[in-house]
Amino acid sequence: MGLFTKEIAIDLGTANTIIIYNDKVVVDEPSIVAIERSSGKIIAVGKRAQLMHGKTHENIKTIRPLRGGVIADFQAAEHMIRAMIKMIDLRRSWFPPALKMVICIPSGITEVEERAVKDSAEQAGAKEVRLIHEPMAAAIGIGIDVLEPIGNMVIDIGGGTSEIAVIALGGIVNNKSIRIAGDEFNADIEEYMRKQHNINVGERTAERIKIEVGAAIADIENPPPDYAVHGRDLLTGIPKEVIVNYTEIAHCLDKSVAKIEAAVLNALEMTPPELASDIFETGIYLTGGGALLRGLDKRIHLKTKLKVHVAEDPLRAVARGTGIALKNFDKFTFLIK
């Protein structure tokens, strides 16, 4: 039966889902589905559903099945996983293949939430499902030898959670998982635009602002150009344009970034002294979409006085690590449950 078993690695993220098959990223789509209310039929998944988000009439609703790194809508998650697996060209054999999946999950989730991830994958056609923690997958993905007796600190800032973990000897020595990440940044930007500019913007526009002019500190090299934001005027109800710059956004994200800093300091406090001396040498590694926030590495460096490295292609580091763990299954068996 080995011939008919296909192995896939899934980074089931709050914002994006990435699937790796045969060492290649074959699916990289937003984690969102569009459903017809009257029939409950799935209309679109991923990028097509993202285009509908915030623009639907009453017979269509868009759902993000994951919130805070965990499954919030079981049925929508199952449909989404199923549709994304169909995007991979697996149907080359006469028989539908048996799927073996490794899915990465936040390190702070409960057993019930883990069960929900496994059940969703099994309902979507997986014969065998294994789970790996996100910080561990991120560390493997950025090329750290996690089996060595050397302490490494990884901060993975995703869409729903920020995972801060100290890793050594193939295990997580201590970790801090907080639900302050990309979605929280978007909510901060929406609130700021309402209060400061009297303009109502949606989730997608807030995401665009974060990408175009998002920053963690006001003093950055190569500042981005100002960005024109379109939304609805709260006083007149008429659509209007407002120009925002990166210093404003740095100011509005300050509180959320400060909470991530506090969690990093808390994780460092709990680190055993021998590992703390390793981290002084190796520094801190930043992965996840949040690592792309301008000046975040500099801000964490100023707070901790440690070297901060931003992973190359931080968005896919976790997915890459999950793929490597799947490929070297025997070597990383005890990391995968």
C-alpha atoms as a PDB file:
ATOM      1  CA  MET A   1       0.000   0.000   0.000  1.00  0.00           C
ATOM      2  CA  GLY A   2       3.045   2.279   0.270  1.00  0.00           C
ATOM      3  CA  LEU A   3       2.657   3.045  -3.426  1.00  0.00           C
ATOM      4  CA  PHE A   4      -0.732   4.623  -2.840  1.00  0.00           C
ATOM      5  CA  THR A   5       0.213   6.638   0.252  1.00  0.00           C
ATOM      6  CA  LYS A   6       0.836  10.297  -0.359  1.00  0.00           C
ATOM      7  CA  GLU A   7       2.543  12.359   2.341  1.00  0.00           C
ATOM      8  CA  ILE A   8       1.663  16.024   2.711  1.00  0.00           C
ATOM      9  CA  ALA A   9       2.711  18.669   5.233  1.00  0.00           C
ATOM     10  CA  ILE A  10       0.191  21.358   6.171  1.00  0.00           C
ATOM     11  CA  ASP A  11       0.772  24.665   7.929  1.00  0.00           C
ATOM     12  CA  LEU A  12      -2.826  25.309   8.983  1.00  0.00           C
ATOM     13  CA  GLY A  13      -2.601  28.999   9.800  1.00  0.00           C
ATOM     14  CA  THR A  14      -5.158  31.558  10.972  1.00  0.00           C
ATOM     15  CA  ALA A  15      -4.362  33.812   8.003  1.00  0.00           C
ATOM     16  CA  ASN A  16      -2.847  31.448   5.396  1.00  0.00           C
ATOM     17  CA  THR A  17      -2.715  27.712   4.794  1.00  0.00           C
ATOM     18  CA  ILE A  18       0.363  26.299   3.079  1.00  0.00           C
ATOM     19  CA  ILE A  19       0.616  22.713   1.815  1.00  0.00           C
ATOM     20  CA  ILE A  20       3.927  21.058   0.916  1.00  0.00           C
ATOM     21  CA  TYR A  21       3.996  17.941  -1.256  1.00  0.00           C
ATOM     22  CA  ASN A  22       7.155  16.360  -2.721  1.00  0.00           C
ATOM     23  CA  ASP A  23       9.311  19.122  -1.098  1.00  0.00           C
ATOM     24  CA  LYS A  24       7.439  21.828  -3.015  1.00  0.00           C
ATOM     25  CA  VAL A  25       4.903  24.408  -1.867  1.00  0.00           C
ATOM     26  CA  VAL A  26       1.880  23.353  -3.915  1.00  0.00           C
ATOM     27  CA  VAL A  27      -0.822  25.393  -2.136  1.00  0.00           C
ATOM     28  CA  ASP A  28      -0.456  28.816  -0.509  1.00  0.00           C
ATOM     29  CA  GLU A  29      -3.917  30.274   0.042  1.00  0.00           C
ATOM     30  CA  PRO A  30      -5.698  32.514   2.571  1.00  0.00           C
ATOM     31  CA  SER A  31      -7.557  30.458   5.233  1.00  0.00           C
ATOM     32  CA  ILE A  32     -11.055  31.558   4.278  1.00  0.00           C
ATOM     33  CA  VAL A  33     -14.173  30.006   2.727  1.00  0.00           C
ATOM     34  CA  ALA A  34     -17.267  31.542   1.107  1.00  0.00           C
ATOM     35  CA  ILE A  35     -20.560  29.728   1.768  1.00  0.00           C
ATOM     36  CA  GLU A  36     -24.045  30.133   0.298  1.00  0.00           C
ATOM     37  CA  ARG A  37     -26.355  30.625   3.269  1.00  0.00           C
ATOM     38  CA  SER A  38     -29.502  29.093   1.717  1.00  0.00           C
ATOM     39  CA  SER A  39     -27.949  25.765   0.671  1.00  0.00           C
ATOM     40  CA  GLY A  40     -24.799  25.662   2.838  1.00  0.00           C
ATOM     41  CA  LYS A  41     -22.801  25.002  -0.346  1.00  0.00           C
ATOM     42  CA  ILE A  42     -19.131  26.068  -0.535  1.00  0.00           C
ATOM     43  CA  ILE A  43     -18.775  28.656  -3.305  1.00  0.00           C
ATOM     44  CA  ALA A  44     -15.093  29.512  -3.026  1.00  0.00           C
ATOM     45  CA  VAL A  45     -11.984  28.752  -0.970  1.00  0.00           C
ATOM     46  CA  GLY A  46      -8.702  30.639  -0.538  1.00  0.00           C
ATOM     47  CA  LYS A  47      -7.868  33.568  -2.825  1.00  0.00           C
ATOM     48  CA  ARG A  48     -11.290  33.619  -4.514  1.00  0.00           C
ATOM     49  CA  ALA A  49     -13.068  33.668  -1.143  1.00  0.00           C
ATOM     50  CA  GLN A  50     -10.657  36.385   0.068  1.00  0.00           C
ATOM     51  CA  LEU A  51     -11.776  38.633  -2.813  1.00  0.00           C
ATOM     52  CA  MET A  52     -15.370  38.258  -1.588  1.00  0.00           C
ATOM     53  CA  HIS A  53     -14.518  38.996   2.068  1.00  0.00           C
ATOM     54  CA  GLY A  54     -16.346  42.115   3.252  1.00  0.00           C
ATOM     55  CA  LYS A  55     -18.158  42.476  -0.095  1.00  0.00           C
ATOM     56  CA  THR A  56     -20.897  39.849   0.176  1.00  0.00           C
ATOM     57  CA  HIS A  57     -24.699  40.136  -0.023  1.00  0.00           C
ATOM     58  CA  GLU A  58     -26.921  38.393   2.492  1.00  0.00           C
ATOM     59  CA  ASN A  59     -27.016  35.020   0.709  1.00  0.00           C
ATOM     60  CA  ILE A  60     -23.206  34.638   0.847  1.00  0.00           C
ATOM     61  CA  LYS A  61     -21.080  34.651   3.972  1.00  0.00           C
ATOM     62  CA  THR A  62     -17.312  34.408   4.253  1.00  0.00           C
ATOM     63  CA  ILE A  63     -15.863  32.473   7.177  1.00  0.00           C
ATOM     64  CA  ARG A  64     -12.352  32.267   8.536  1.00  0.00           C
ATOM     65  CA  PRO A  65     -12.479  28.800  10.137  1.00  0.00           C
ATOM     66  CA  LEU A  66      -9.452  29.418  12.372  1.00  0.00           C
ATOM     67  CA  ARG A  67      -9.253  32.032  15.101  1.00  0.00           C
ATOM     68  CA  GLY A  68      -6.287  32.462  17.417  1.00  0.00           C
ATOM     69  CA  GLY A  69      -4.517  29.513  15.801  1.00  0.00           C
ATOM     70  CA  VAL A  70      -7.320  27.043  16.580  1.00  0.00           C
ATOM     71  CA  ILE A  71     -10.380  25.780  14.729  1.00  0.00           C
ATOM     72  CA  ALA A  72     -13.374  27.993  15.500  1.00  0.00           C
ATOM     73  CA  ASP A  73     -15.710  26.532  12.852  1.00  0.00           C
ATOM     74  CA  PHE A  74     -15.292  22.774  12.549  1.00  0.00           C
ATOM     75  CA  GLN A  75     -17.387  22.253   9.391  1.00  0.00           C
ATOM     76  CA  ALA A  76     -15.850  25.173   7.477  1.00  0.00           C
ATOM     77  CA  ALA A  77     -12.332  23.981   8.436  1.00  0.00           C
ATOM     78  CA  GLU A  78     -13.065  20.500   7.112  1.00  0.00           C
ATOM     79  CA  HIS A  79     -14.409  21.914   3.813  1.00  0.00           C
ATOM     80  CA  MET A  80     -11.388  24.206   3.523  1.00  0.00           C
ATOM     81  CA  ILE A  81      -8.827  21.409   4.101  1.00  0.00           C
ATOM     82  CA  ARG A  82     -10.689  19.152   1.651  1.00  0.00           C
ATOM     83  CA  ALA A  83     -10.794  21.855  -1.064  1.00  0.00           C
ATOM     84  CA  MET A  84      -7.131  22.744  -0.609  1.00  0.00           C
ATOM     85  CA  ILE A  85      -6.068  19.089  -0.850  1.00  0.00           C
ATOM     86  CA  LYS A  86      -8.024  18.907  -4.137  1.00  0.00           C
ATOM     87  CA  MET A  87      -5.823  21.752  -5.437  1.00  0.00           C
ATOM     88  CA  ILE A  88      -2.848  19.347  -5.343  1.00  0.00           C
ATOM     89  CA  ASP A  89      -2.620  17.073  -8.353  1.00  0.00           C
ATOM     90  CA  LEU A  90      -2.776  13.804  -6.388  1.00  0.00           C
ATOM     91  CA  ARG A  91      -5.158  11.954  -8.663  1.00  0.00           C
ATOM     92  CA  ARG A  92      -2.592  10.488 -11.030  1.00  0.00           C
ATOM     93  CA  SER A  93      -3.112   6.922  -9.831  1.00  0.00           C
ATOM     94  CA  TRP A  94      -6.161   4.722 -10.496  1.00  0.00           C
ATOM     95  CA  PHE A  95      -7.055   4.668  -6.812  1.00  0.00           C
ATOM     96  CA  PRO A  96      -7.570   7.701  -4.569  1.00  0.00           C
ATOM     97  CA  PRO A  97      -4.380   7.857  -2.492  1.00  0.00           C
ATOM     98  CA  ALA A  98      -4.234   7.277   1.256  1.00  0.00           C
ATOM     99  CA  LEU A  99      -3.094  10.548   2.754  1.00  0.00           C
ATOM    100  CA  LYS A 100      -0.561  10.786   5.551  1.00  0.00           C
ATOM    101  CA  MET A 101      -0.459  14.324   6.962  1.00  0.00           C
ATOM    102  CA  VAL A 102       1.754  16.238   9.338  1.00  0.00           C
ATOM    103  CA  ILE A 103      -0.015  19.394  10.519  1.00  0.00           C
ATOM    104  CA  CYS A 104       1.581  22.067  12.662  1.00  0.00           C
ATOM    105  CA  ILE A 105      -0.322  23.512  15.617  1.00  0.00           C
ATOM    106  CA  PRO A 106       0.320  26.313  18.154  1.00  0.00           C
ATOM    107  CA  SER A 107       2.247  25.115  21.198  1.00  0.00           C
ATOM    108  CA  GLY A 108      -0.317  26.542  23.632  1.00  0.00           C
ATOM    109  CA  ILE A 109      -3.440  24.710  22.432  1.00  0.00           C
ATOM    110  CA  THR A 110      -5.465  22.263  24.529  1.00  0.00           C
ATOM    111  CA  GLU A 111      -6.023  18.558  23.877  1.00  0.00           C
ATOM    112  CA  VAL A 112      -9.604  19.277  22.793  1.00  0.00           C
ATOM    113  CA  GLU A 113      -8.347  21.783  20.196  1.00  0.00           C
ATOM    114  CA  GLU A 114      -5.723  19.260  19.010  1.00  0.00           C
ATOM    115  CA  ARG A 115      -8.495  16.684  18.623  1.00  0.00           C
ATOM    116  CA  ALA A 116     -10.486  19.165  16.487  1.00  0.00           C
ATOM    117  CA  VAL A 117      -7.510  19.575  14.105  1.00  0.00           C
ATOM    118  CA  LYS A 118      -7.083  15.791  13.811  1.00  0.00           C
ATOM    119  CA  ASP A 119     -10.810  15.202  13.291  1.00  0.00           C
ATOM    120  CA  SER A 120     -11.035  17.888  10.589  1.00  0.00           C
ATOM    121  CA  ALA A 121      -8.093  16.346   8.706  1.00  0.00           C
ATOM    122  CA  GLU A 122      -9.539  12.822   9.029  1.00  0.00           C
ATOM    123  CA  GLN A 123     -12.946  14.028   7.775  1.00  0.00           C
ATOM    124  CA  ALA A 124     -11.107  15.593   4.823  1.00  0.00           C
ATOM    125  CA  GLY A 125      -9.694  12.186   3.856  1.00  0.00           C
ATOM    126  CA  ALA A 126      -6.499  11.659   5.875  1.00  0.00           C
ATOM    127  CA  LYS A 127      -5.717   8.083   6.910  1.00  0.00           C
ATOM    128  CA  GLU A 128      -2.981   9.110   9.336  1.00  0.00           C
ATOM    129  CA  VAL A 129      -2.575  12.520  10.991  1.00  0.00           C
ATOM    130  CA  ARG A 130       0.408  13.639  13.051  1.00  0.00           C
ATOM    131  CA  LEU A 131       0.918  17.002  14.743  1.00  0.00           C
ATOM    132  CA  ILE A 132       4.039  19.124  15.292  1.00  0.00           C
ATOM    133  CA  HIS A 133       4.306  22.319  17.322  1.00  0.00           C
ATOM    134  CA  GLU A 134       4.739  25.553  15.349  1.00  0.00           C
ATOM    135  CA  PRO A 135       7.908  26.892  17.065  1.00  0.00           C
ATOM    136  CA  MET A 136       9.623  23.522  16.540  1.00  0.00           C
ATOM    137  CA  ALA A 137       8.592  23.461  12.865  1.00  0.00           C
ATOM    138  CA  ALA A 138       9.776  27.086  12.475  1.00  0.00           C
ATOM    139  CA  ALA A 139      13.171  26.230  14.012  1.00  0.00           C
ATOM    140  CA  ILE A 140      13.612  23.261  11.649  1.00  0.00           C
ATOM    141  CA  GLY A 141      12.464  25.408   8.712  1.00  0.00           C
ATOM    142  CA  ILE A 142      15.080  28.119   9.280  1.00  0.00           C
ATOM    143  CA  GLY A 143      17.878  25.556   9.439  1.00  0.00           C
ATOM    144  CA  ILE A 144      18.505  25.239  13.186  1.00  0.00           C
ATOM    145  CA  ASP A 145      19.734  21.790  14.257  1.00  0.00           C
ATOM    146  CA  VAL A 146      17.088  21.280  16.930  1.00  0.00           C
ATOM    147  CA  LEU A 147      18.583  17.970  18.136  1.00  0.00           C
ATOM    148  CA  GLU A 148      21.825  19.600  19.358  1.00  0.00           C
ATOM    149  CA  PRO A 149      22.300  20.438  23.082  1.00  0.00           C
ATOM    150  CA  ILE A 150      22.281  24.165  22.258  1.00  0.00           C
ATOM    151  CA  GLY A 151      19.547  26.596  23.287  1.00  0.00           C
ATOM    152  CA  ASN A 152      17.782  28.555  20.541  1.00  0.00           C
ATOM    153  CA  MET A 153      14.953  31.032  20.939  1.00  0.00           C
ATOM    154  CA  VAL A 154      12.325  31.237  18.183  1.00  0.00           C
ATOM    155  CA  ILE A 155       9.546  33.825  17.972  1.00  0.00           C
ATOM    156  CA  ASP A 156       6.864  32.885  15.446  1.00  0.00           C
ATOM    157  CA  ILE A 157       4.362  35.714  14.918  1.00  0.00           C
ATOM    158  CA  GLY A 158       1.488  34.416  12.825  1.00  0.00           C
ATOM    159  CA  GLY A 159      -2.035  35.625  12.138  1.00  0.00           C
ATOM    160  CA  GLY A 160      -3.699  34.422  15.340  1.00  0.00           C
ATOM    161  CA  THR A 161      -0.913  33.657  17.828  1.00  0.00           C
ATOM    162  CA  SER A 162       2.642  34.637  18.674  1.00  0.00           C
ATOM    163  CA  GLU A 163       4.677  31.626  19.766  1.00  0.00           C
ATOM    164  CA  ILE A 164       7.828  32.226  21.776  1.00  0.00           C
ATOM    165  CA  ALA A 165       9.835  29.087  22.531  1.00  0.00           C
ATOM    166  CA  VAL A 166      13.266  28.042  23.765  1.00  0.00           C
ATOM    167  CA  ILE A 167      14.322  24.850  21.998  1.00  0.00           C
ATOM    168  CA  ALA A 168      17.129  22.409  22.845  1.00  0.00           C
ATOM    169  CA  LEU A 169      17.761  18.660  22.377  1.00  0.00           C
ATOM    170  CA  GLY A 170      14.738  18.256  20.116  1.00  0.00           C
ATOM    171  CA  GLY A 171      12.230  19.587  22.642  1.00  0.00           C
ATOM    172  CA  ILE A 172      10.590  22.805  23.783  1.00  0.00           C
ATOM    173  CA  VAL A 173      12.167  23.742  27.124  1.00  0.00           C
ATOM    174  CA  ASN A 174       9.741  26.573  27.773  1.00  0.00           C
ATOM    175  CA  ASN A 175       7.221  28.372  25.681  1.00  0.00           C
ATOM    176  CA  LYS A 176       4.836  31.283  25.804  1.00  0.00           C
ATOM    177  CA  SER A 177       1.878  31.397  23.425  1.00  0.00           C
ATOM    178  CA  ILE A 178      -0.100  34.644  23.290  1.00  0.00           C
ATOM    179  CA  ARG A 179      -3.053  35.548  21.102  1.00  0.00           C
ATOM    180  CA  ILE A 180      -1.576  38.856  19.994  1.00  0.00           C
ATOM    181  CA  ALA A 181      -0.463  38.664  16.363  1.00  0.00           C
ATOM    182  CA  GLY A 182      -1.408  39.792  12.846  1.00  0.00           C
ATOM    183  CA  ASP A 183      -5.189  39.843  13.440  1.00  0.00           C
ATOM    184  CA  GLU A 184      -4.739  41.959  16.561  1.00  0.00           C
ATOM    185  CA  PHE A 185      -2.544  44.402  14.584  1.00  0.00           C
ATOM    186  CA  ASN A 186      -5.334  44.706  11.988  1.00  0.00           C
ATOM    187  CA  ALA A 187      -7.924  45.376  14.709  1.00  0.00           C
ATOM    188  CA  ASP A 188      -5.645  48.096  16.175  1.00  0.00           C
ATOM    189  CA  ILE A 189      -5.362  49.762  12.754  1.00  0.00           C
ATOM    190  CA  GLU A 190      -9.161  49.655  12.211  1.00  0.00           C
ATOM    191  CA  GLU A 191      -9.743  51.280  15.620  1.00  0.00           C
ATOM    192  CA  TYR A 192      -7.045  53.916  15.035  1.00  0.00           C
ATOM    193  CA  MET A 193      -8.529  54.904  11.649  1.00  0.00           C
ATOM    194  CA  ARG A 194     -11.949  55.263  13.280  1.00  0.00           C
ATOM    195  CA  LYS A 195     -10.752  57.369  16.207  1.00  0.00           C
ATOM    196  CA  GLN A 196      -8.090  59.526  14.574  1.00  0.00           C
ATOM    197  CA  HIS A 197      -9.379  59.958  11.026  1.00  0.00           C
ATOM    198  CA  ASN A 198     -13.146  59.380  11.426  1.00  0.00           C
ATOM    199  CA  ILE A 199     -13.009  56.781   8.678  1.00  0.00           C
ATOM    200  CA  ASN A 200     -14.401  53.265   8.755  1.00  0.00           C
ATOM    201  CA  VAL A 201     -12.175  50.642   7.093  1.00  0.00           C
ATOM    202  CA  GLY A 202     -12.610  46.880   6.773  1.00  0.00           C
ATOM    203  CA  GLU A 203     -10.339  43.997   7.733  1.00  0.00           C
ATOM    204  CA  ARG A 204      -8.835  43.702   4.241  1.00  0.00           C
ATOM    205  CA  THR A 205      -7.991  47.426   4.078  1.00  0.00           C
ATOM    206  CA  ALA A 206      -6.401  47.275   7.555  1.00  0.00           C
ATOM    207  CA  GLU A 207      -4.261  44.344   6.329  1.00  0.00           C
ATOM    208  CA  ARG A 208      -3.171  46.417   3.290  1.00  0.00           C
ATOM    209  CA  ILE A 209      -2.233  49.370   5.533  1.00  0.00           C
ATOM    210  CA  LYS A 210      -0.165  47.027   7.725  1.00  0.00           C
ATOM    211  CA  ILE A 211       1.678  45.635   4.682  1.00  0.00           C
ATOM    212  CA  GLU A 212       2.243  49.019   2.987  1.00  0.00           C
ATOM    213  CA  VAL A 213       3.141  51.256   5.954  1.00  0.00           C
ATOM    214  CA  GLY A 214       3.179  48.987   9.031  1.00  0.00           C
ATOM    215  CA  ALA A 215       6.071  49.559  11.467  1.00  0.00           C
ATOM    216  CA  ALA A 216       6.989  48.661  15.042  1.00  0.00           C
ATOM    217  CA  ILE A 217       9.085  51.780  15.725  1.00  0.00           C
ATOM    218  CA  ALA A 218       8.979  55.331  14.411  1.00  0.00           C
ATOM    219  CA  ASP A 219      12.714  55.405  13.655  1.00  0.00           C
ATOM    220  CA  ILE A 220      13.387  53.054  10.715  1.00  0.00           C
ATOM    221  CA  GLU A 221      15.776  53.092   7.785  1.00  0.00           C
ATOM    222  CA  ASN A 222      14.241  53.270   4.283  1.00  0.00           C
ATOM    223  CA  PRO A 223      10.778  54.410   5.424  1.00  0.00           C
ATOM    224  CA  PRO A 224       7.902  53.440   3.093  1.00  0.00           C
ATOM    225  CA  PRO A 225       6.023  56.152   1.168  1.00  0.00           C
ATOM    226  CA  ASP A 226       2.725  57.431   2.593  1.00  0.00           C
ATOM    227  CA  TYR A 227      -0.309  55.343   1.733  1.00  0.00           C
ATOM    228  CA  ALA A 228      -3.746  56.509   0.538  1.00  0.00           C
ATOM    229  CA  VAL A 229      -6.557  54.785   2.449  1.00  0.00           C
ATOM    230  CA  HIS A 230     -10.120  54.677   1.137  1.00  0.00           C
ATOM    231  CA  GLY A 231     -13.064  54.119   3.458  1.00  0.00           C
ATOM    232  CA  ARG A 232     -16.388  55.481   4.653  1.00  0.00           C
ATOM    233  CA  ASP A 233     -16.528  58.806   6.486  1.00  0.00           C
ATOM    234  CA  LEU A 234     -18.193  58.214   9.868  1.00  0.00           C
ATOM    235  CA  LEU A 235     -19.812  61.684   9.929  1.00  0.00           C
ATOM    236  CA  THR A 236     -21.186  61.991   6.397  1.00  0.00           C
ATOM    237  CA  GLY A 237     -21.285  58.328   5.337  1.00  0.00           C
ATOM    238  CA  ILE A 238     -19.582  59.296   2.056  1.00  0.00           C
ATOM    239  CA  PRO A 239     -16.502  57.357   0.859  1.00  0.00           C
ATOM    240  CA  LYS A 240     -13.311  59.406   1.268  1.00  0.00           C
ATOM    241  CA  GLU A 241      -9.524  59.180   1.083  1.00  0.00           C
ATOM    242  CA  VAL A 242      -7.047  59.669   3.947  1.00  0.00           C
ATOM    243  CA  ILE A 243      -3.239  59.648   3.679  1.00  0.00           C
ATOM    244  CA  VAL A 244      -1.428  57.731   6.455  1.00  0.00           C
ATOM    245  CA  ASN A 245       2.289  57.388   7.171  1.00  0.00           C
ATOM    246  CA  TYR A 246       4.348  54.725   8.924  1.00  0.00           C
ATOM    247  CA  THR A 247       4.930  56.760  12.124  1.00  0.00           C
ATOM    248  CA  GLU A 248       1.160  56.869  12.767  1.00  0.00           C
ATOM    249  CA  ILE A 249       0.870  53.101  12.335  1.00  0.00           C
ATOM    250  CA  ALA A 250       3.933  52.518  14.557  1.00  0.00           C
ATOM    251  CA  HIS A 251       2.175  54.578  17.243  1.00  0.00           C
ATOM    252  CA  CYS A 252      -1.111  52.653  16.883  1.00  0.00           C
ATOM    253  CA  LEU A 253       0.584  49.207  17.018  1.00  0.00           C
ATOM    254  CA  ASP A 254       2.730  50.185  20.014  1.00  0.00           C
ATOM    255  CA  LYS A 255       0.570  48.530  22.710  1.00  0.00           C
ATOM    256  CA  SER A 256       0.268  45.172  20.922  1.00  0.00           C
ATOM    257  CA  VAL A 257       4.004  45.052  20.120  1.00  0.00           C
ATOM    258  CA  ALA A 258       4.733  45.896  23.784  1.00  0.00           C
ATOM    259  CA  LYS A 259       2.706  42.818  24.836  1.00  0.00           C
ATOM    260  CA  ILE A 260       4.841  40.624  22.526  1.00  0.00           C
ATOM    261  CA  GLU A 261       7.984  42.182  24.055  1.00  0.00           C
ATOM    262  CA  ALA A 262       6.688  41.429  27.570  1.00  0.00           C
ATOM    263  CA  ALA A 263       6.057  37.792  26.574  1.00  0.00           C
ATOM    264  CA  VAL A 264       9.611  37.536  25.166  1.00  0.00           C
ATOM    265  CA  LEU A 265      11.065  38.872  28.437  1.00  0.00           C
ATOM    266  CA  ASN A 266       8.861  36.472  30.395  1.00  0.00           C
ATOM    267  CA  ALA A 267      10.114  33.504  28.324  1.00  0.00           C
ATOM    268  CA  LEU A 268      13.723  34.630  28.848  1.00  0.00           C
ATOM    269  CA  GLU A 269      13.138  34.833  32.629  1.00  0.00           C
ATOM    270  CA  MET A 270      11.986  31.199  32.691  1.00  0.00           C
ATOM    271  CA  THR A 271      14.972  29.952  30.672  1.00  0.00           C
ATOM    272  CA  PRO A 272      17.526  27.801  32.561  1.00  0.00           C
ATOM    273  CA  PRO A 273      20.890  29.603  32.955  1.00  0.00           C
ATOM    274  CA  GLU A 274      22.923  27.288  30.673  1.00  0.00           C
ATOM    275  CA  LEU A 275      20.438  27.784  27.838  1.00  0.00           C
ATOM    276  CA  ALA A 276      20.320  31.533  28.518  1.00  0.00           C
ATOM    277  CA  SER A 277      24.086  31.700  27.874  1.00  0.00           C
ATOM    278  CA  ASP A 278      23.529  29.842  24.559  1.00  0.00           C
ATOM    279  CA  ILE A 279      20.821  32.324  23.549  1.00  0.00           C
ATOM    280  CA  PHE A 280      23.234  35.185  24.275  1.00  0.00           C
ATOM    281  CA  GLU A 281      25.531  33.621  21.651  1.00  0.00           C
ATOM    282  CA  THR A 282      22.934  32.502  19.088  1.00  0.00           C
ATOM    283  CA  GLY A 283      20.423  35.336  19.445  1.00  0.00           C
ATOM    284  CA  ILE A 284      16.686  35.303  18.745  1.00  0.00           C
ATOM    285  CA  TYR A 285      15.107  34.094  15.478  1.00  0.00           C
ATOM    286  CA  LEU A 286      11.983  35.818  14.135  1.00  0.00           C
ATOM    287  CA  THR A 287       9.616  33.924  11.812  1.00  0.00           C
ATOM    288  CA  GLY A 288       6.006  34.193  10.645  1.00  0.00           C
ATOM    289  CA  GLY A 289       4.256  37.021   8.796  1.00  0.00           C
ATOM    290  CA  GLY A 290       4.678  39.350  11.787  1.00  0.00           C
ATOM    291  CA  ALA A 291       8.475  39.163  11.328  1.00  0.00           C
ATOM    292  CA  LEU A 292       7.977  41.334   8.212  1.00  0.00           C
ATOM    293  CA  LEU A 293       6.729  44.274  10.318  1.00  0.00           C
ATOM    294  CA  ARG A 294       9.314  47.012   9.735  1.00  0.00           C
ATOM    295  CA  GLY A 295      11.612  47.665  12.690  1.00  0.00           C
ATOM    296  CA  LEU A 296      10.297  44.802  14.849  1.00  0.00           C
ATOM    297  CA  ASP A 297      13.721  43.112  14.965  1.00  0.00           C
ATOM    298  CA  LYS A 298      15.323  46.430  15.993  1.00  0.00           C
ATOM    299  CA  ARG A 299      12.721  47.005  18.710  1.00  0.00           C
ATOM    300  CA  ILE A 300      13.186  43.523  20.230  1.00  0.00           C
ATOM    301  CA  HIS A 301      16.965  44.025  20.033  1.00  0.00           C
ATOM    302  CA  LEU A 302      16.693  47.340  21.949  1.00  0.00           C
ATOM    303  CA  LYS A 303      14.535  45.663  24.604  1.00  0.00           C
ATOM    304  CA  THR A 304      16.594  42.493  25.108  1.00  0.00           C
ATOM    305  CA  LYS A 305      20.098  43.638  23.972  1.00  0.00           C
ATOM    306  CA  LEU A 306      20.320  40.308  22.086  1.00  0.00           C
ATOM    307  CA  LYS A 307      21.001  39.706  18.390  1.00  0.00           C
ATOM    308  CA  VAL A 308      17.756  39.323  16.446  1.00  0.00           C
ATOM    309  CA  HIS A 309      17.737  37.460  13.114  1.00  0.00           C
ATOM    310  CA  VAL A 310      14.769  37.629  10.732  1.00  0.00           C
ATOM    311  CA  ALA A 311      14.389  34.328   8.864  1.00  0.00           C
ATOM    312  CA  GLU A 312      14.531  34.441   5.088  1.00  0.00           C
ATOM    313  CA  ASP A 313      11.016  33.969   3.677  1.00  0.00           C
ATOM    314  CA  PRO A 314       9.560  34.038   7.221  1.00  0.00           C
ATOM    315  CA  LEU A 315       6.006  33.390   5.963  1.00  0.00           C
ATOM    316  CA  ARG A 316       6.911  29.873   4.841  1.00  0.00           C
ATOM    317  CA  ALA A 317       9.432  28.904   7.544  1.00  0.00           C
ATOM    318  CA  VAL A 318       6.882  26.876   9.535  1.00  0.00           C
ATOM    319  CA  ALA A 319       5.608  25.074   6.434  1.00  0.00           C
ATOM    320  CA  ARG A 320       9.178  24.299   5.315  1.00  0.00           C
ATOM    321  CA  GLY A 321       9.993  22.869   8.742  1.00  0.00           C
ATOM    322  CA  THR A 322       6.841  20.723   8.706  1.00  0.00           C
ATOM    323  CA  GLY A 323       7.876  19.410   5.267  1.00  0.00           C
ATOM    324  CA  ILE A 324      11.411  18.573   6.510  1.00  0.00           C
ATOM    325  CA  ALA A 325       9.982  16.815   9.594  1.00  0.00           C
ATOM    326  CA  LEU A 326       7.687  14.761   7.334  1.00  0.00           C
ATOM    327  CA  LYS A 327      10.548  13.804   5.010  1.00  0.00           C
ATOM    328  CA  ASN A 328      12.854  12.804   7.903  1.00  0.00           C
ATOM    329  CA  PHE A 329      10.057  11.169   9.850  1.00  0.00           C
ATOM    330  CA  ASP A 330      12.284   8.655  11.696  1.00  0.00           C
ATOM    331  CA  LYS A 331      14.742  11.337  12.814  1.00  0.00           C
ATOM    332  CA  PHE A 332      12.015  13.625  14.161  1.00  0.00           C
ATOM    333  CA  THR A 333       9.539  10.959  15.349  1.00  0.00           C
ATOM    334  CA  PHE A 334       9.565  12.141  18.954  1.00  0.00           C
ATOM    335  CA  LEU A 335       8.771  15.721  17.862  1.00  0.00           C
ATOM    336  CA  ILE A 336       5.682  14.575  16.021  1.00  0.00           C
ATOM    337  CA  LYS A 337       2.729  13.239  17.952  1.00  0.00           C
END
